[in-house]
Amino acid sequence: MKTRPSTPRSVAGSLVLSVLAALSPNASADQGGVAFWWSGQFASLAAVPAAPGWSLATVPYFYSGSANKSTTFQKGDTLVGGVNSTVPMLMVQPGYAAEGKILGGQPYVGLAGGLAYNRTSVDLALSTPGLGGTRTDSVTGGSDLYPFASLAWAKGNDNWMAYVTGDIPVGSYQSSRLSNTGIGHGAIDVGGGYTYLNGKTGLEFSGVAGVTYNMVNPATNYKNGVDSHLDWAVSQFLDDNWEVGVAGYVFYQLTGDSGSGDQVGAFKSRVASVGPEVGYAFKFNGQPAYINVRAYWEFWAQNRPEGFALFATLSIPLGRAAK
């Protein structure tokens, strides 16, 4: 096969560091089963340093999942069972990678946010003053804001990345609703990743792992536990442009939920997924750009809905960094 050019490498940071957002109105345990971490946001080329300059990432996303009535979730002020959630959304993240290095690594900073629709229905809703039956509500609104910063290093076929991100809870949230587009509390997440990228054979594999510390939700006095997560991908470049592979994620809650508003006890959740991905590298205004489409089917779920997710991530350069 052809030796793979540097085009995907030069846009990778703009792609996979992009939309390191944590809008997760789909996930469950943590309160209502909603976690900060947006599983599947990292895939191929995750740790490859970003090309210097401004970039813009756009991510259409769709999730559909359900959980049976055997598990009781706390959705804000309400205890529910038989949860079904559908979430289409559009996230964008402008970002900047400086020309200079810090500790020998490529720095990148970005801020993500977007617009989402969340429709949630439950078979059973139990709240003051008594027992209720089927209930459905929906909301369209803005997400929380997600600042992100990273350092990435490259040497030969090996690439490493360290990051920190968090949640600024400004999205649409009401504790009385089943559906929200914000999570109602702050969070901080730290982690790192590795990418093996062979320019001669086109073989690539990536993994990014991290840990989330959640703040107390002031509207409910509910505190999510500490979460861990792993996003991974294995891919093969078929030529100078096309890439195909398999991606997945594992989410595992390390400690149970707590707080004076916790009505369900030390709730802990987990889920895993796997699915196909396709990438395509191209030119935009004479500079490298990249699009990646992937799908995830979930399994191994506990204390959260199980379903499927679809991502389409487009990353384009907006200009080179000033020297």
C-alpha atoms as a PDB file:
ATOM      1  CA  MET A   1       0.000   0.000   0.000  1.00  0.00           C
ATOM      2  CA  LYS A   2       1.020   3.650  -0.221  1.00  0.00           C
ATOM      3  CA  THR A   3       2.919   5.279   2.577  1.00  0.00           C
ATOM      4  CA  ARG A   4       0.306   7.252   4.458  1.00  0.00           C
ATOM      5  CA  PRO A   5       1.017  10.991   4.302  1.00  0.00           C
ATOM      6  CA  SER A   6       0.994  13.375   7.232  1.00  0.00           C
ATOM      7  CA  THR A   7      -2.456  14.769   6.419  1.00  0.00           C
ATOM      8  CA  PRO A   8      -4.470  12.847   9.055  1.00  0.00           C
ATOM      9  CA  ARG A   9      -1.709  13.418  11.624  1.00  0.00           C
ATOM     10  CA  SER A  10      -1.810  17.171  11.150  1.00  0.00           C
ATOM     11  CA  VAL A  11      -5.536  17.449  11.757  1.00  0.00           C
ATOM     12  CA  ALA A  12      -5.901  14.719  14.351  1.00  0.00           C
ATOM     13  CA  GLY A  13      -5.636  16.992  17.342  1.00  0.00           C
ATOM     14  CA  SER A  14      -8.277  19.288  15.939  1.00  0.00           C
ATOM     15  CA  LEU A  15     -10.531  16.289  15.474  1.00  0.00           C
ATOM     16  CA  VAL A  16     -10.142  14.174  18.552  1.00  0.00           C
ATOM     17  CA  LEU A  17      -9.453  16.943  21.003  1.00  0.00           C
ATOM     18  CA  SER A  18     -12.503  18.646  19.637  1.00  0.00           C
ATOM     19  CA  VAL A  19     -15.784  18.559  21.431  1.00  0.00           C
ATOM     20  CA  LEU A  20     -14.319  17.054  24.526  1.00  0.00           C
ATOM     21  CA  ALA A  21     -17.769  17.869  25.800  1.00  0.00           C
ATOM     22  CA  ALA A  22     -19.533  15.963  28.494  1.00  0.00           C
ATOM     23  CA  LEU A  23     -23.152  16.559  27.718  1.00  0.00           C
ATOM     24  CA  SER A  24     -24.546  13.130  28.529  1.00  0.00           C
ATOM     25  CA  PRO A  25     -28.306  13.268  28.895  1.00  0.00           C
ATOM     26  CA  ASN A  26     -28.234   9.647  27.733  1.00  0.00           C
ATOM     27  CA  ALA A  27     -26.196   7.965  30.442  1.00  0.00           C
ATOM     28  CA  SER A  28     -27.475   6.544  33.725  1.00  0.00           C
ATOM     29  CA  ALA A  29     -26.380   6.083  37.334  1.00  0.00           C
ATOM     30  CA  ASP A  30     -24.776   9.020  38.674  1.00  0.00           C
ATOM     31  CA  GLN A  31     -27.899  11.065  39.357  1.00  0.00           C
ATOM     32  CA  GLY A  32     -30.686   9.893  37.071  1.00  0.00           C
ATOM     33  CA  GLY A  33     -27.993   7.945  35.424  1.00  0.00           C
ATOM     34  CA  VAL A  34     -26.487  11.089  33.879  1.00  0.00           C
ATOM     35  CA  ALA A  35     -22.691  11.143  33.851  1.00  0.00           C
ATOM     36  CA  PHE A  36     -20.416  14.035  32.982  1.00  0.00           C
ATOM     37  CA  TRP A  37     -18.274  12.028  30.547  1.00  0.00           C
ATOM     38  CA  TRP A  38     -19.517  11.764  26.980  1.00  0.00           C
ATOM     39  CA  SER A  39     -18.419   8.217  26.120  1.00  0.00           C
ATOM     40  CA  GLY A  40     -17.140   7.728  22.584  1.00  0.00           C
ATOM     41  CA  GLN A  41     -15.854  11.260  22.095  1.00  0.00           C
ATOM     42  CA  PHE A  42     -12.329   9.923  21.517  1.00  0.00           C
ATOM     43  CA  ALA A  43     -11.578   7.422  18.765  1.00  0.00           C
ATOM     44  CA  SER A  44      -8.758   7.047  16.201  1.00  0.00           C
ATOM     45  CA  LEU A  45      -5.759   9.434  16.319  1.00  0.00           C
ATOM     46  CA  ALA A  46      -6.735  10.517  19.824  1.00  0.00           C
ATOM     47  CA  ALA A  47      -3.254  11.372  21.096  1.00  0.00           C
ATOM     48  CA  VAL A  48      -1.697  12.778  17.888  1.00  0.00           C
ATOM     49  CA  PRO A  49      -0.624  16.426  18.429  1.00  0.00           C
ATOM     50  CA  ALA A  50      -2.822  19.108  16.905  1.00  0.00           C
ATOM     51  CA  ALA A  51      -1.726  21.175  13.920  1.00  0.00           C
ATOM     52  CA  PRO A  52      -0.774  24.704  15.088  1.00  0.00           C
ATOM     53  CA  GLY A  53      -3.512  27.274  14.560  1.00  0.00           C
ATOM     54  CA  TRP A  54      -7.237  27.736  14.992  1.00  0.00           C
ATOM     55  CA  SER A  55      -9.671  24.924  14.246  1.00  0.00           C
ATOM     56  CA  LEU A  56     -13.391  24.262  14.448  1.00  0.00           C
ATOM     57  CA  ALA A  57     -14.991  20.904  15.158  1.00  0.00           C
ATOM     58  CA  THR A  58     -18.660  20.154  14.534  1.00  0.00           C
ATOM     59  CA  VAL A  59     -20.248  17.004  15.961  1.00  0.00           C
ATOM     60  CA  PRO A  60     -23.786  15.854  15.166  1.00  0.00           C
ATOM     61  CA  TYR A  61     -24.687  13.154  17.697  1.00  0.00           C
ATOM     62  CA  PHE A  62     -27.628  10.828  18.307  1.00  0.00           C
ATOM     63  CA  TYR A  63     -28.334   8.477  21.216  1.00  0.00           C
ATOM     64  CA  SER A  64     -31.250   6.181  21.993  1.00  0.00           C
ATOM     65  CA  GLY A  65     -31.353   3.943  25.056  1.00  0.00           C
ATOM     66  CA  SER A  66     -33.647   2.319  27.588  1.00  0.00           C
ATOM     67  CA  ALA A  67     -33.661   0.534  30.940  1.00  0.00           C
ATOM     68  CA  ASN A  68     -36.351  -1.759  32.329  1.00  0.00           C
ATOM     69  CA  LYS A  69     -38.402  -1.194  35.476  1.00  0.00           C
ATOM     70  CA  SER A  70     -36.212  -3.440  37.632  1.00  0.00           C
ATOM     71  CA  THR A  71     -33.906  -0.492  38.408  1.00  0.00           C
ATOM     72  CA  THR A  72     -35.123   2.680  40.110  1.00  0.00           C
ATOM     73  CA  PHE A  73     -33.401   5.877  38.987  1.00  0.00           C
ATOM     74  CA  GLN A  74     -33.507   9.277  40.626  1.00  0.00           C
ATOM     75  CA  LYS A  75     -34.254  11.916  37.990  1.00  0.00           C
ATOM     76  CA  GLY A  76     -33.852  15.195  39.827  1.00  0.00           C
ATOM     77  CA  ASP A  77     -36.656  15.234  42.403  1.00  0.00           C
ATOM     78  CA  THR A  78     -38.372  12.123  41.008  1.00  0.00           C
ATOM     79  CA  LEU A  79     -37.833   8.373  41.397  1.00  0.00           C
ATOM     80  CA  VAL A  80     -38.539   6.576  38.128  1.00  0.00           C
ATOM     81  CA  GLY A  81     -38.445   3.168  36.445  1.00  0.00           C
ATOM     82  CA  GLY A  82     -38.623   1.961  32.852  1.00  0.00           C
ATOM     83  CA  VAL A  83     -36.584   4.836  31.398  1.00  0.00           C
ATOM     84  CA  ASN A  84     -36.425   5.525  27.635  1.00  0.00           C
ATOM     85  CA  SER A  85     -34.299   8.420  26.326  1.00  0.00           C
ATOM     86  CA  THR A  86     -33.667   9.872  22.867  1.00  0.00           C
ATOM     87  CA  VAL A  87     -31.064  12.601  22.398  1.00  0.00           C
ATOM     88  CA  PRO A  88     -30.083  14.259  19.112  1.00  0.00           C
ATOM     89  CA  MET A  89     -27.678  17.170  19.468  1.00  0.00           C
ATOM     90  CA  LEU A  90     -25.156  19.344  17.691  1.00  0.00           C
ATOM     91  CA  MET A  91     -21.924  20.339  19.424  1.00  0.00           C
ATOM     92  CA  VAL A  92     -19.249  22.763  18.224  1.00  0.00           C
ATOM     93  CA  GLN A  93     -15.824  23.537  19.602  1.00  0.00           C
ATOM     94  CA  PRO A  94     -13.425  26.245  18.466  1.00  0.00           C
ATOM     95  CA  GLY A  95      -9.878  25.458  19.518  1.00  0.00           C
ATOM     96  CA  TYR A  96      -6.351  26.783  19.279  1.00  0.00           C
ATOM     97  CA  ALA A  97      -2.977  25.009  19.181  1.00  0.00           C
ATOM     98  CA  ALA A  98      -0.009  27.307  19.761  1.00  0.00           C
ATOM     99  CA  GLU A  99       3.130  27.215  17.622  1.00  0.00           C
ATOM    100  CA  GLY A 100       5.414  26.981  20.680  1.00  0.00           C
ATOM    101  CA  LYS A 101       5.820  23.950  22.937  1.00  0.00           C
ATOM    102  CA  ILE A 102       5.272  23.484  26.681  1.00  0.00           C
ATOM    103  CA  LEU A 103       7.423  20.804  28.349  1.00  0.00           C
ATOM    104  CA  GLY A 104       8.165  19.625  24.836  1.00  0.00           C
ATOM    105  CA  GLY A 105       4.496  19.026  24.085  1.00  0.00           C
ATOM    106  CA  GLN A 106       1.983  20.628  21.702  1.00  0.00           C
ATOM    107  CA  PRO A 107      -0.532  22.718  23.728  1.00  0.00           C
ATOM    108  CA  TYR A 108      -4.168  22.884  22.721  1.00  0.00           C
ATOM    109  CA  VAL A 109      -7.124  24.714  24.317  1.00  0.00           C
ATOM    110  CA  GLY A 110     -10.784  24.719  23.348  1.00  0.00           C
ATOM    111  CA  LEU A 111     -14.284  25.433  24.579  1.00  0.00           C
ATOM    112  CA  ALA A 112     -17.256  23.299  23.559  1.00  0.00           C
ATOM    113  CA  GLY A 113     -20.985  23.887  23.701  1.00  0.00           C
ATOM    114  CA  GLY A 114     -24.074  23.252  21.641  1.00  0.00           C
ATOM    115  CA  LEU A 115     -27.777  22.678  21.276  1.00  0.00           C
ATOM    116  CA  ALA A 116     -29.652  19.487  22.165  1.00  0.00           C
ATOM    117  CA  TYR A 117     -33.110  17.937  22.253  1.00  0.00           C
ATOM    118  CA  ASN A 118     -33.880  15.420  24.997  1.00  0.00           C
ATOM    119  CA  ARG A 119     -37.038  13.312  25.135  1.00  0.00           C
ATOM    120  CA  THR A 120     -37.385  11.018  28.155  1.00  0.00           C
ATOM    121  CA  SER A 121     -40.284   8.770  29.084  1.00  0.00           C
ATOM    122  CA  VAL A 122     -40.752   6.512  32.127  1.00  0.00           C
ATOM    123  CA  ASP A 123     -43.189   3.695  32.842  1.00  0.00           C
ATOM    124  CA  LEU A 124     -43.397   4.574  36.517  1.00  0.00           C
ATOM    125  CA  ALA A 125     -42.809   7.859  38.319  1.00  0.00           C
ATOM    126  CA  LEU A 126     -42.811   8.000  42.128  1.00  0.00           C
ATOM    127  CA  SER A 127     -42.645  11.453  43.651  1.00  0.00           C
ATOM    128  CA  THR A 128     -44.385  13.554  46.264  1.00  0.00           C
ATOM    129  CA  PRO A 129     -47.209  13.181  47.023  1.00  0.00           C
ATOM    130  CA  GLY A 130     -47.697   9.696  45.564  1.00  0.00           C
ATOM    131  CA  LEU A 131     -47.376   7.087  42.864  1.00  0.00           C
ATOM    132  CA  GLY A 132     -47.744   7.989  39.201  1.00  0.00           C
ATOM    133  CA  GLY A 133     -47.904   6.077  35.933  1.00  0.00           C
ATOM    134  CA  THR A 134     -46.373   6.710  32.539  1.00  0.00           C
ATOM    135  CA  ARG A 135     -44.812  10.140  32.123  1.00  0.00           C
ATOM    136  CA  THR A 136     -43.007  11.810  29.241  1.00  0.00           C
ATOM    137  CA  ASP A 137     -41.388  15.186  28.820  1.00  0.00           C
ATOM    138  CA  SER A 138     -38.944  16.804  26.446  1.00  0.00           C
ATOM    139  CA  VAL A 139     -36.788  19.902  26.217  1.00  0.00           C
ATOM    140  CA  THR A 140     -34.732  21.748  23.626  1.00  0.00           C
ATOM    141  CA  GLY A 141     -31.947  23.898  24.985  1.00  0.00           C
ATOM    142  CA  GLY A 142     -28.299  24.765  25.248  1.00  0.00           C
ATOM    143  CA  SER A 143     -25.701  22.478  26.737  1.00  0.00           C
ATOM    144  CA  ASP A 144     -23.285  23.172  29.542  1.00  0.00           C
ATOM    145  CA  LEU A 145     -19.903  24.617  28.545  1.00  0.00           C
ATOM    146  CA  TYR A 146     -16.841  22.386  28.490  1.00  0.00           C
ATOM    147  CA  PRO A 147     -13.358  23.941  28.612  1.00  0.00           C
ATOM    148  CA  PHE A 148     -10.552  21.641  27.521  1.00  0.00           C
ATOM    149  CA  ALA A 149      -6.739  21.831  27.611  1.00  0.00           C
ATOM    150  CA  SER A 150      -4.122  19.290  26.598  1.00  0.00           C
ATOM    151  CA  LEU A 151      -0.479  18.646  25.887  1.00  0.00           C
ATOM    152  CA  ALA A 152       0.549  16.110  23.222  1.00  0.00           C
ATOM    153  CA  TRP A 153       3.907  14.623  22.266  1.00  0.00           C
ATOM    154  CA  ALA A 154       5.048  12.630  19.218  1.00  0.00           C
ATOM    155  CA  LYS A 155       8.131  10.501  18.605  1.00  0.00           C
ATOM    156  CA  GLY A 156       8.210   8.205  15.603  1.00  0.00           C
ATOM    157  CA  ASN A 157       5.103   6.029  15.607  1.00  0.00           C
ATOM    158  CA  ASP A 158       4.297   6.864  19.242  1.00  0.00           C
ATOM    159  CA  ASN A 159       2.052   9.702  20.416  1.00  0.00           C
ATOM    160  CA  TRP A 160       1.052  10.640  23.974  1.00  0.00           C
ATOM    161  CA  MET A 161      -1.475  13.113  25.322  1.00  0.00           C
ATOM    162  CA  ALA A 162      -2.486  14.459  28.762  1.00  0.00           C
ATOM    163  CA  TYR A 163      -5.648  16.499  29.249  1.00  0.00           C
ATOM    164  CA  VAL A 164      -7.888  18.266  31.738  1.00  0.00           C
ATOM    165  CA  THR A 165     -11.492  19.238  31.116  1.00  0.00           C
ATOM    166  CA  GLY A 166     -14.549  20.197  33.149  1.00  0.00           C
ATOM    167  CA  ASP A 167     -18.196  21.184  33.213  1.00  0.00           C
ATOM    168  CA  ILE A 168     -19.527  24.738  33.605  1.00  0.00           C
ATOM    169  CA  PRO A 169     -23.222  24.080  34.420  1.00  0.00           C
ATOM    170  CA  VAL A 170     -24.982  26.744  32.344  1.00  0.00           C
ATOM    171  CA  GLY A 171     -27.141  24.407  30.235  1.00  0.00           C
ATOM    172  CA  SER A 172     -30.896  23.969  30.442  1.00  0.00           C
ATOM    173  CA  TYR A 173     -31.618  22.133  33.709  1.00  0.00           C
ATOM    174  CA  GLN A 174     -34.570  21.857  36.084  1.00  0.00           C
ATOM    175  CA  SER A 175     -34.674  19.242  38.841  1.00  0.00           C
ATOM    176  CA  SER A 176     -38.451  18.801  38.348  1.00  0.00           C
ATOM    177  CA  ARG A 177     -38.000  17.639  34.711  1.00  0.00           C
ATOM    178  CA  LEU A 178     -37.178  14.181  33.412  1.00  0.00           C
ATOM    179  CA  SER A 179     -35.387  15.708  30.399  1.00  0.00           C
ATOM    180  CA  ASN A 180     -32.504  18.183  30.566  1.00  0.00           C
ATOM    181  CA  THR A 181     -29.696  19.336  28.305  1.00  0.00           C
ATOM    182  CA  GLY A 182     -27.360  20.253  31.176  1.00  0.00           C
ATOM    183  CA  ILE A 183     -26.316  18.123  34.147  1.00  0.00           C
ATOM    184  CA  GLY A 184     -26.941  20.702  36.883  1.00  0.00           C
ATOM    185  CA  HIS A 185     -23.528  20.494  38.560  1.00  0.00           C
ATOM    186  CA  GLY A 186     -19.845  21.118  37.939  1.00  0.00           C
ATOM    187  CA  ALA A 187     -17.216  18.454  37.327  1.00  0.00           C
ATOM    188  CA  ILE A 188     -13.535  18.075  36.550  1.00  0.00           C
ATOM    189  CA  ASP A 189     -11.967  15.273  34.516  1.00  0.00           C
ATOM    190  CA  VAL A 190      -8.281  14.424  34.022  1.00  0.00           C
ATOM    191  CA  GLY A 191      -6.650  11.726  31.949  1.00  0.00           C
ATOM    192  CA  GLY A 192      -4.284  10.761  29.190  1.00  0.00           C
ATOM    193  CA  GLY A 193      -4.015   8.815  25.977  1.00  0.00           C
ATOM    194  CA  TYR A 194      -1.734   6.982  23.575  1.00  0.00           C
ATOM    195  CA  THR A 195      -1.816   6.530  19.795  1.00  0.00           C
ATOM    196  CA  TYR A 196       0.312   4.188  17.720  1.00  0.00           C
ATOM    197  CA  LEU A 197       0.422   5.494  14.155  1.00  0.00           C
ATOM    198  CA  ASN A 198       2.531   3.697  11.539  1.00  0.00           C
ATOM    199  CA  GLY A 199       2.957   5.923   8.483  1.00  0.00           C
ATOM    200  CA  LYS A 200       4.268   3.059   6.337  1.00  0.00           C
ATOM    201  CA  THR A 201       1.673   0.361   6.994  1.00  0.00           C
ATOM    202  CA  GLY A 202      -1.285   2.630   7.882  1.00  0.00           C
ATOM    203  CA  LEU A 203      -1.970   0.744  11.119  1.00  0.00           C
ATOM    204  CA  GLU A 204      -3.315   2.847  14.000  1.00  0.00           C
ATOM    205  CA  PHE A 205      -4.668   2.203  17.466  1.00  0.00           C
ATOM    206  CA  SER A 206      -5.603   4.616  20.244  1.00  0.00           C
ATOM    207  CA  GLY A 207      -6.764   4.606  23.838  1.00  0.00           C
ATOM    208  CA  VAL A 208      -7.760   7.443  26.188  1.00  0.00           C
ATOM    209  CA  ALA A 209      -8.517   6.883  29.884  1.00  0.00           C
ATOM    210  CA  GLY A 210      -9.609   9.315  32.566  1.00  0.00           C
ATOM    211  CA  VAL A 211     -11.282   9.897  35.921  1.00  0.00           C
ATOM    212  CA  THR A 212     -14.135  12.313  36.719  1.00  0.00           C
ATOM    213  CA  TYR A 213     -14.708  14.076  40.054  1.00  0.00           C
ATOM    214  CA  ASN A 214     -18.242  15.470  40.365  1.00  0.00           C
ATOM    215  CA  MET A 215     -19.440  18.417  42.441  1.00  0.00           C
ATOM    216  CA  VAL A 216     -22.692  18.455  44.421  1.00  0.00           C
ATOM    217  CA  ASN A 217     -25.826  19.352  42.454  1.00  0.00           C
ATOM    218  CA  PRO A 218     -27.100  22.395  44.402  1.00  0.00           C
ATOM    219  CA  ALA A 219     -30.695  21.904  43.188  1.00  0.00           C
ATOM    220  CA  THR A 220     -30.956  18.366  44.585  1.00  0.00           C
ATOM    221  CA  ASN A 221     -28.076  18.036  47.091  1.00  0.00           C
ATOM    222  CA  TYR A 222     -27.073  14.914  45.167  1.00  0.00           C
ATOM    223  CA  LYS A 223     -23.401  14.102  44.549  1.00  0.00           C
ATOM    224  CA  ASN A 224     -22.377  11.707  41.799  1.00  0.00           C
ATOM    225  CA  GLY A 225     -19.589   9.259  42.583  1.00  0.00           C
ATOM    226  CA  VAL A 226     -16.136   9.154  41.009  1.00  0.00           C
ATOM    227  CA  ASP A 227     -16.276   7.828  37.426  1.00  0.00           C
ATOM    228  CA  SER A 228     -13.654   6.143  35.250  1.00  0.00           C
ATOM    229  CA  HIS A 229     -13.759   5.751  31.485  1.00  0.00           C
ATOM    230  CA  LEU A 230     -11.835   4.347  28.519  1.00  0.00           C
ATOM    231  CA  ASP A 231     -12.359   5.224  24.831  1.00  0.00           C
ATOM    232  CA  TRP A 232     -10.466   3.111  22.281  1.00  0.00           C
ATOM    233  CA  ALA A 233     -10.142   2.492  18.544  1.00  0.00           C
ATOM    234  CA  VAL A 234      -8.179   0.322  16.099  1.00  0.00           C
ATOM    235  CA  SER A 235      -8.038   1.355  12.438  1.00  0.00           C
ATOM    236  CA  GLN A 236      -6.297   0.846   9.107  1.00  0.00           C
ATOM    237  CA  PHE A 237      -5.640   3.520   6.469  1.00  0.00           C
ATOM    238  CA  LEU A 238      -6.516   1.986   3.098  1.00  0.00           C
ATOM    239  CA  ASP A 239      -4.864   4.744   1.068  1.00  0.00           C
ATOM    240  CA  ASP A 240      -3.946   8.405   1.422  1.00  0.00           C
ATOM    241  CA  ASN A 241      -7.483   9.378   2.403  1.00  0.00           C
ATOM    242  CA  TRP A 242      -9.675   6.528   3.655  1.00  0.00           C
ATOM    243  CA  GLU A 243      -9.525   4.884   7.065  1.00  0.00           C
ATOM    244  CA  VAL A 244     -11.699   2.067   8.460  1.00  0.00           C
ATOM    245  CA  GLY A 245     -11.734   0.528  11.902  1.00  0.00           C
ATOM    246  CA  VAL A 246     -13.477  -0.495  15.098  1.00  0.00           C
ATOM    247  CA  ALA A 247     -14.088   1.751  18.113  1.00  0.00           C
ATOM    248  CA  GLY A 248     -15.576   1.303  21.556  1.00  0.00           C
ATOM    249  CA  TYR A 249     -15.758   2.551  25.119  1.00  0.00           C
ATOM    250  CA  VAL A 250     -16.003   1.335  28.700  1.00  0.00           C
ATOM    251  CA  PHE A 251     -17.527   3.440  31.484  1.00  0.00           C
ATOM    252  CA  TYR A 252     -17.254   2.276  35.101  1.00  0.00           C
ATOM    253  CA  GLN A 253     -18.297   4.162  38.221  1.00  0.00           C
ATOM    254  CA  LEU A 254     -15.654   3.733  40.937  1.00  0.00           C
ATOM    255  CA  THR A 255     -17.567   5.042  43.966  1.00  0.00           C
ATOM    256  CA  GLY A 256     -21.258   5.253  44.777  1.00  0.00           C
ATOM    257  CA  ASP A 257     -23.426   8.356  44.723  1.00  0.00           C
ATOM    258  CA  SER A 258     -24.040  10.277  47.946  1.00  0.00           C
ATOM    259  CA  GLY A 259     -25.420  13.508  49.398  1.00  0.00           C
ATOM    260  CA  SER A 260     -28.386  14.487  51.546  1.00  0.00           C
ATOM    261  CA  GLY A 261     -30.663  14.426  48.488  1.00  0.00           C
ATOM    262  CA  ASP A 262     -29.720  10.881  47.469  1.00  0.00           C
ATOM    263  CA  GLN A 263     -32.869   8.696  47.692  1.00  0.00           C
ATOM    264  CA  VAL A 264     -31.483   5.576  45.981  1.00  0.00           C
ATOM    265  CA  GLY A 265     -28.316   4.829  47.956  1.00  0.00           C
ATOM    266  CA  ALA A 266     -24.748   4.296  46.754  1.00  0.00           C
ATOM    267  CA  PHE A 267     -25.722   3.984  43.093  1.00  0.00           C
ATOM    268  CA  LYS A 268     -22.949   2.789  40.725  1.00  0.00           C
ATOM    269  CA  SER A 269     -23.127   2.281  36.970  1.00  0.00           C
ATOM    270  CA  ARG A 270     -21.216   0.688  34.126  1.00  0.00           C
ATOM    271  CA  VAL A 271     -21.513   0.148  30.364  1.00  0.00           C
ATOM    272  CA  ALA A 272     -19.391  -0.947  27.406  1.00  0.00           C
ATOM    273  CA  SER A 273     -19.806  -0.620  23.647  1.00  0.00           C
ATOM    274  CA  VAL A 274     -18.278  -1.464  20.282  1.00  0.00           C
ATOM    275  CA  GLY A 275     -18.934  -0.481  16.674  1.00  0.00           C
ATOM    276  CA  PRO A 276     -17.483   0.486  13.275  1.00  0.00           C
ATOM    277  CA  GLU A 277     -15.781   3.729  12.288  1.00  0.00           C
ATOM    278  CA  VAL A 278     -14.830   5.327   8.962  1.00  0.00           C
ATOM    279  CA  GLY A 279     -12.516   8.299   8.475  1.00  0.00           C
ATOM    280  CA  TYR A 280     -11.696  10.468   5.457  1.00  0.00           C
ATOM    281  CA  ALA A 281      -8.898  13.047   5.142  1.00  0.00           C
ATOM    282  CA  PHE A 282      -9.258  15.906   2.644  1.00  0.00           C
ATOM    283  CA  LYS A 283      -8.201  19.502   1.954  1.00  0.00           C
ATOM    284  CA  PHE A 284     -10.071  22.618   3.091  1.00  0.00           C
ATOM    285  CA  ASN A 285      -8.773  25.949   1.781  1.00  0.00           C
ATOM    286  CA  GLY A 286      -5.518  24.193   0.990  1.00  0.00           C
ATOM    287  CA  GLN A 287      -5.111  22.855   4.529  1.00  0.00           C
ATOM    288  CA  PRO A 288      -5.784  19.331   5.875  1.00  0.00           C
ATOM    289  CA  ALA A 289      -9.245  18.532   7.260  1.00  0.00           C
ATOM    290  CA  TYR A 290     -10.861  15.330   8.486  1.00  0.00           C
ATOM    291  CA  ILE A 291     -14.260  13.690   8.991  1.00  0.00           C
ATOM    292  CA  ASN A 292     -14.938  10.617  11.115  1.00  0.00           C
ATOM    293  CA  VAL A 293     -18.222   8.695  11.372  1.00  0.00           C
ATOM    294  CA  ARG A 294     -18.758   5.969  13.970  1.00  0.00           C
ATOM    295  CA  ALA A 295     -21.508   3.983  15.660  1.00  0.00           C
ATOM    296  CA  TYR A 296     -21.611   2.291  19.063  1.00  0.00           C
ATOM    297  CA  TRP A 297     -23.824  -0.554  20.321  1.00  0.00           C
ATOM    298  CA  GLU A 298     -23.884  -0.815  24.100  1.00  0.00           C
ATOM    299  CA  PHE A 299     -23.797  -3.898  26.337  1.00  0.00           C
ATOM    300  CA  TRP A 300     -22.824  -4.825  29.932  1.00  0.00           C
ATOM    301  CA  ALA A 301     -25.036  -1.994  31.233  1.00  0.00           C
ATOM    302  CA  GLN A 302     -25.903  -1.690  34.904  1.00  0.00           C
ATOM    303  CA  ASN A 303     -27.855   1.150  36.533  1.00  0.00           C
ATOM    304  CA  ARG A 304     -28.100   3.086  33.261  1.00  0.00           C
ATOM    305  CA  PRO A 305     -29.920   2.801  29.927  1.00  0.00           C
ATOM    306  CA  GLU A 306     -28.481   0.602  27.206  1.00  0.00           C
ATOM    307  CA  GLY A 307     -28.785   1.478  23.522  1.00  0.00           C
ATOM    308  CA  PHE A 308     -26.797   2.847  20.597  1.00  0.00           C
ATOM    309  CA  ALA A 309     -24.994   6.059  19.692  1.00  0.00           C
ATOM    310  CA  LEU A 310     -24.026   7.681  16.375  1.00  0.00           C
ATOM    311  CA  PHE A 311     -21.241  10.253  15.922  1.00  0.00           C
ATOM    312  CA  ALA A 312     -20.169  12.313  12.907  1.00  0.00           C
ATOM    313  CA  THR A 313     -17.185  14.555  13.642  1.00  0.00           C
ATOM    314  CA  LEU A 314     -15.983  17.168  11.153  1.00  0.00           C
ATOM    315  CA  SER A 315     -12.801  19.110  11.906  1.00  0.00           C
ATOM    316  CA  ILE A 316     -11.605  21.975   9.715  1.00  0.00           C
ATOM    317  CA  PRO A 317      -8.677  24.418  10.071  1.00  0.00           C
ATOM    318  CA  LEU A 318      -9.443  28.111  10.454  1.00  0.00           C
ATOM    319  CA  GLY A 319      -5.914  29.481  10.206  1.00  0.00           C
ATOM    320  CA  ARG A 320      -2.305  28.920  11.206  1.00  0.00           C
ATOM    321  CA  ALA A 321      -0.859  29.977  14.541  1.00  0.00           C
ATOM    322  CA  ALA A 322       1.066  33.237  14.624  1.00  0.00           C
ATOM    323  CA  LYS A 323       4.824  32.740  14.894  1.00  0.00           C
END
